Structure formats: structure tokens, C-alpha cells
Amino acid sequence: MYYSLAGMLFMMLGVYFALLVNFVTSVFWVWVAMDLSTIFLVPFLCCGMSLTGMYQWYKGSATYFVVQFMGSASVLYSGLLLWEPSFGGMGLMFLATGFILKLGLFPLHFWVPRAFVNFHYPGIYLTGVIQKFILILAMPFAEAEMAEHVNELMVLSAVASVLYGPIAMFNCTNIKTFLSYSSVNNTGLLVICLSVSKSVFMFYAVCYSMSMLFLVLILSFCMSDTIKQMGATLPNFYFSGFLFMSLSFAGFPPLTDFCAKFVVVASCAEYLMWFCVMAVLASSMINLLVWIWFSVMIIRAMPVEDSFEPTFEDLITNFGCILWNVAGGMVLMLFY
């Protein structure tokens, strides 16, 4: 009970200060809010050390804290440079670099797999999904003429992340490393969405966060390190939910992930962002092959029979996973 209360307390404080980033106007207070969010999230990651082992907890949390601190320091330094108009361009460059590092976008993504492989699954979901949504909303797309190249740099980094993520996923046998490169890919997509409009960003964010929530719930049940181990420990009861989820992440129509990327491509085409359109389409093709390979590896390792007796929570999780991936995206498109 103590672990649950402590974990919830630190998690709520971390999310609260991350949300605060979007309500402050000074770069200094942006830096303060981001650092407080990181400080409170580290104890939340520590609370799950019994799930990953002490050494892994230390490596993951230390990597995450140091990198987030470096990104925040870059943001703070940009605020100091922006006080002097003659250094405005350099200040914006430091500001963009700080956010690219904190989000784990290409080419400053090096910390993401190193941290994720040592996190527990709730920590992966919070740092790789929820916190990134909030930081992306705070990401500045400046309107000044001197900021044009900075905006292009951020979008170019996002496009490179969209293309690099699925390619790197092919080399992964560890599930958490696989999820880390998937996070790099989807973070790039979210930045592209925000460069189009906030409504597109919110649509994709809801689709991605719900899909990842069901994936993390199933992975938390298996508690496996490698893809083959997950197949060996995944009960046959979850086969239907896992199959629909994998097909959705692969981009098969009319499942949820297909609907989300369709909206992204259509919105980019509407704003004549053809470079982003081609990047998202190429990434989706690679992502299709990756998730088919991932699904085949899991299914081949699954036992023919097992003695698993599903609980009420298992029934809700599996049914919710199927329902969301089959109809979630189409329902959201009706309200978009």
C-alpha cells in the first residue's frame, strides 16, 4: 500500500508540474516547472525498483535525470540569451535543442533506449507518452523571421525521428527497447501534428495514448524482457486483444492507428506539407513490416494450451483492447 500511495503521489506531482509548463509565459518559469516535474518523476520510477531490480533502476533513473537536466539547462540558457536581441537567433537555437533533447527526437534520441530498458512499464508510459504530450504542447514554434530556420530544424528533427524509429525497431529483441524506438517514431509524428494544428495534435495524442495504455497493460501482465519470452508467457486468452492491437499499430484499415495516421497525412496535404506526407507514408510502410514481424514472433512462441483463468479485470482489459482498436479511431473521426 505504501508503494502505491508513494508512487501515485510522486506521479501526480510530476504530471502537475509538467502541466504547469503550458501555463507560464517566462522561459525561466518553464525551466523551473520542467525541472520540478523531472525531480518528482524520479522517485516514481524508484518506487518500481522491485519490478526491475536495484541496478536497473539506478541506470534508468540516472540516465533520465541527467538528460532531462541537460535539456532544461539548454532551455534556461536560451532564456538568458533572448534577453539580448543581438543573440536572439542563438537563443532560439538553444531553446529548440533543449526541447529536442528532452523529447528524445533524432539525433538526440540516444538516451531513450538506455532509459526505457531499465524502467518498469508504468514508468515507460508516463515518461514516453504522457510527459511528452505535455512538453510538446509547450514546444515553441516562433513566428519571428529569424526563427524560421529554428522551426525548420524542429520539423526536420521530427521527420527524421518518424523515419528512424521504425528502422531501429527491426533490430530489437528486447521489448522495452522496441517500445523506446516506437516512442521516438510517435514523438516525431506528434511534433509534426502540432506544426499543423493543435486539433490534429490532440486527435493523434488521444489515439496513441489509449493504444499504448492497452499495450502497457498487456505487457505488465507478461513481465517479459524479450519478444520470445512475451510469447511464451502471454496467455491464449489475450490472443484476440493482442492481435487486434498489433494490426492497429501496423496500420491496417479501418483500425484506430490507421485512422490516426490518415488524419495526419490528410492534414499535412491540406497545408501542402508534401515532405511530411512522404515521410509519414514511408514510415507507415516500414512500421507495417515491423509490427507484422513482431506479431509473428509473439504468436510463434505462444503455448498451444495453458491453464490461465481470466479474472474480471482481464476480461475488461481484453474486451476494451479489441473495442478500442476496432472502433476507437472511427468514432473519434466522427467528432474531428
Foldseek 3Di string as FASTA:
>chain_A
DVLVVLLVVLLVQLLVLLLVLLVDDALVSNLVSQLSSLVSVLVNQVSCCVLQPDVLSVQQSVLLNVQLNVLSVLSVVLRVQCVDVVSPLVSLLSNLVSLCLQQLFPPNVVSQLRNQLSTQLVSCLCSLAVSLLSSLSSRDDDDDPSCPVVNVVNLVSLLVLLQVLLVVLQPDFWVSSNVSSVSSNVSSLLNLQVVLPVVLNVLLSVLVSVLSVLVSVQCNQQSDTGLLSSLARRAPVLLLLVVLSLCLQLQDPPWQVVLSLVSSLVSCVVVPVVVSNVSNVNSSNSSNVSSVVSSVSSNVSHDPHDDDDDDPVNVCSSVVSNCCGHCVNVVVVVVD
